Amino acid sequence: MKTYMAKPDSIERKWYVVDATGMVLGRLASQVAAILRGKNKPTFTPHVDTGDCVIVINCDKVVLTGKKLEQKYYRYHTGYIGGLKEVRYDKLLREKPEFVVYHAVKGMLPKNALGRKMIKKLYTYSGSEHKQQAQKPEALQLI
């Protein structure tokens, strides 16, 4: 028995639309990251980008469990001395809901050139409309 290794030119990509209404952020992000990596396919190869393209709509209706809205912070550094900035997730969800989903999914992808290639196949929108109608994406119901 030989192990199957996918070649980059033989990969068939599909487009999926995921509705994030009422979904828990972490569960949504982990399932979307698995689709972006291609782990839902039998042709999954760890060193090749075999994943599909995912469009996430209604990012503003995503849910955080427990007290995470008040206690969880998005932290980043400006590069200057003492430049650590913090933004609470309730404010971040109000102002940039697409970024919250994007950042959660990006954190669950590999931290290398392959992961940077995979994150380019993710499209996030705060409303129910998206620009990728021409690709004829099919609706995907996540658990």
Protein backbone atom coordinates (compact mmCIF):
# COMPACT_ATOMS: atom_id res chain seq x y z
CA MET A 1 0.00 0.00 0.00
CA LYS A 2 1.39 3.41 -0.94
CA THR A 3 0.37 6.58 0.83
CA TYR A 4 -1.47 9.06 -1.38
CA MET A 5 0.14 12.50 -1.61
CA ALA A 6 -1.87 15.24 -3.29
CA LYS A 7 -0.21 17.39 -5.93
CA PRO A 8 -0.96 21.13 -6.02
CA ASP A 9 -2.21 20.99 -9.62
CA SER A 10 -4.68 18.13 -8.98
CA ILE A 11 -6.67 19.85 -6.19
CA GLU A 12 -10.35 20.63 -6.75
CA ARG A 13 -11.48 23.64 -4.70
CA LYS A 14 -15.07 24.21 -3.66
CA TRP A 15 -16.70 27.32 -2.19
CA TYR A 16 -18.77 27.21 1.00
CA VAL A 17 -20.93 29.79 2.77
CA VAL A 18 -21.18 29.48 6.56
CA ASP A 19 -23.79 31.42 8.53
CA ALA A 20 -22.32 32.38 11.92
CA THR A 21 -25.64 33.38 13.49
CA GLY A 22 -25.76 32.10 17.07
CA MET A 23 -22.60 30.01 16.75
CA VAL A 24 -19.90 29.94 19.44
CA LEU A 25 -16.76 31.68 18.17
CA GLY A 26 -14.23 28.95 19.02
CA ARG A 27 -16.31 26.10 17.60
CA LEU A 28 -16.97 28.06 14.43
CA ALA A 29 -13.29 28.94 14.05
CA SER A 30 -12.04 25.38 14.56
CA GLN A 31 -14.45 23.93 12.00
CA VAL A 32 -13.72 26.65 9.43
CA ALA A 33 -9.96 26.15 9.96
CA ALA A 34 -10.36 22.41 9.30
CA ILE A 35 -12.13 23.16 6.01
CA LEU A 36 -9.46 25.70 5.01
CA ARG A 37 -6.75 23.08 5.69
CA GLY A 38 -8.65 20.38 3.80
CA LYS A 39 -9.00 18.00 6.73
CA ASN A 40 -12.57 17.22 5.68
CA LYS A 41 -11.33 15.60 2.45
CA PRO A 42 -9.95 12.09 2.01
CA THR A 43 -7.10 13.58 -0.05
CA PHE A 44 -5.72 15.61 2.89
CA THR A 45 -1.96 16.06 2.69
CA PRO A 46 -0.25 17.98 5.53
CA HIS A 47 2.35 19.75 3.38
CA VAL A 48 -0.02 20.78 0.53
CA ASP A 49 -2.88 23.29 0.66
CA THR A 50 -5.81 20.99 -0.17
CA GLY A 51 -8.51 23.10 1.49
CA ASP A 52 -11.60 24.82 0.16
CA CYS A 53 -12.63 28.49 0.17
CA VAL A 54 -14.97 29.60 2.97
CA ILE A 55 -17.23 32.66 3.19
CA VAL A 56 -18.47 33.46 6.71
CA ILE A 57 -21.51 35.74 6.86
CA ASN A 58 -23.26 37.34 9.86
CA CYS A 59 -20.03 37.63 11.86
CA ASP A 60 -21.69 40.25 14.05
CA LYS A 61 -24.08 37.58 15.42
CA VAL A 62 -21.36 35.25 16.73
CA VAL A 63 -21.56 34.30 20.43
CA LEU A 64 -18.91 34.15 23.17
CA THR A 65 -19.71 31.92 26.15
CA GLY A 66 -19.34 32.76 29.82
CA LYS A 67 -17.97 36.17 30.78
CA LYS A 68 -15.60 36.38 27.81
CA LEU A 69 -17.26 39.53 26.46
CA GLU A 70 -16.14 41.45 29.57
CA GLN A 71 -12.99 39.52 30.51
CA LYS A 72 -11.32 38.59 27.20
CA TYR A 73 -8.97 41.12 25.61
CA TYR A 74 -7.40 41.40 22.17
CA ARG A 75 -3.82 42.50 22.83
CA TYR A 76 -1.35 43.88 20.32
CA HIS A 77 1.87 45.86 20.43
CA THR A 78 2.53 49.00 18.41
CA GLY A 79 6.28 48.49 18.30
CA TYR A 80 7.03 51.48 20.50
CA ILE A 81 8.20 51.35 24.12
CA GLY A 82 5.20 50.76 26.38
CA GLY A 83 3.01 50.30 23.32
CA LEU A 84 0.92 47.35 24.50
CA LYS A 85 -2.72 48.02 23.58
CA GLU A 86 -5.78 46.15 24.82
CA VAL A 87 -9.30 46.09 23.43
CA ARG A 88 -12.16 44.25 25.13
CA TYR A 89 -14.04 41.76 22.99
CA ASP A 90 -17.45 43.41 23.50
CA LYS A 91 -16.07 46.60 21.91
CA LEU A 92 -14.25 44.62 19.21
CA LEU A 93 -17.43 42.70 18.31
CA ARG A 94 -19.34 45.98 17.99
CA GLU A 95 -16.72 47.74 15.85
CA LYS A 96 -14.98 44.98 13.83
CA PRO A 97 -16.95 41.70 13.94
CA GLU A 98 -15.23 40.41 10.77
CA PHE A 99 -11.82 40.78 12.41
CA VAL A 100 -12.91 38.74 15.46
CA VAL A 101 -13.77 35.70 13.31
CA TYR A 102 -10.75 36.21 11.03
CA HIS A 103 -8.36 36.40 14.00
CA ALA A 104 -9.85 33.29 15.66
CA VAL A 105 -9.54 31.22 12.48
CA LYS A 106 -6.03 32.50 11.75
CA GLY A 107 -4.89 31.39 15.20
CA MET A 108 -5.98 27.82 14.43
CA LEU A 109 -4.03 27.52 11.18
CA PRO A 110 -0.35 26.53 10.88
CA LYS A 111 2.14 29.31 11.67
CA ASN A 112 4.15 29.05 8.44
CA ALA A 113 3.96 29.91 4.74
CA LEU A 114 1.29 27.26 4.21
CA GLY A 115 -0.94 28.82 6.89
CA ARG A 116 -0.51 32.27 5.32
CA LYS A 117 -1.62 30.80 2.02
CA MET A 118 -4.65 29.12 3.62
CA ILE A 119 -5.96 32.24 5.38
CA LYS A 120 -6.28 33.99 2.00
CA LYS A 121 -9.17 31.63 1.19
CA LEU A 122 -11.27 33.01 4.10
CA TYR A 123 -13.78 35.80 3.48
CA THR A 124 -15.66 37.33 6.43
CA TYR A 125 -18.67 39.66 6.30
CA SER A 126 -20.69 41.24 9.11
CA GLY A 127 -23.96 41.20 7.18
CA SER A 128 -25.76 38.51 5.20
CA GLU A 129 -24.53 39.77 1.80
CA HIS A 130 -21.21 38.78 0.20
CA LYS A 131 -19.33 39.58 -3.03
CA GLN A 132 -18.56 35.99 -4.11
CA GLN A 133 -21.88 35.22 -5.85
CA ALA A 134 -20.09 34.39 -9.13
CA GLN A 135 -18.31 31.42 -7.54
CA LYS A 136 -21.69 29.78 -6.77
CA PRO A 137 -20.87 28.82 -3.16
CA GLU A 138 -22.93 26.13 -1.50
CA ALA A 139 -24.34 26.57 2.00
CA LEU A 140 -22.58 24.56 4.69
CA GLN A 141 -24.31 23.79 7.98
CA LEU A 142 -21.77 23.46 10.81
CA ILE A 143 -22.62 21.72 14.07
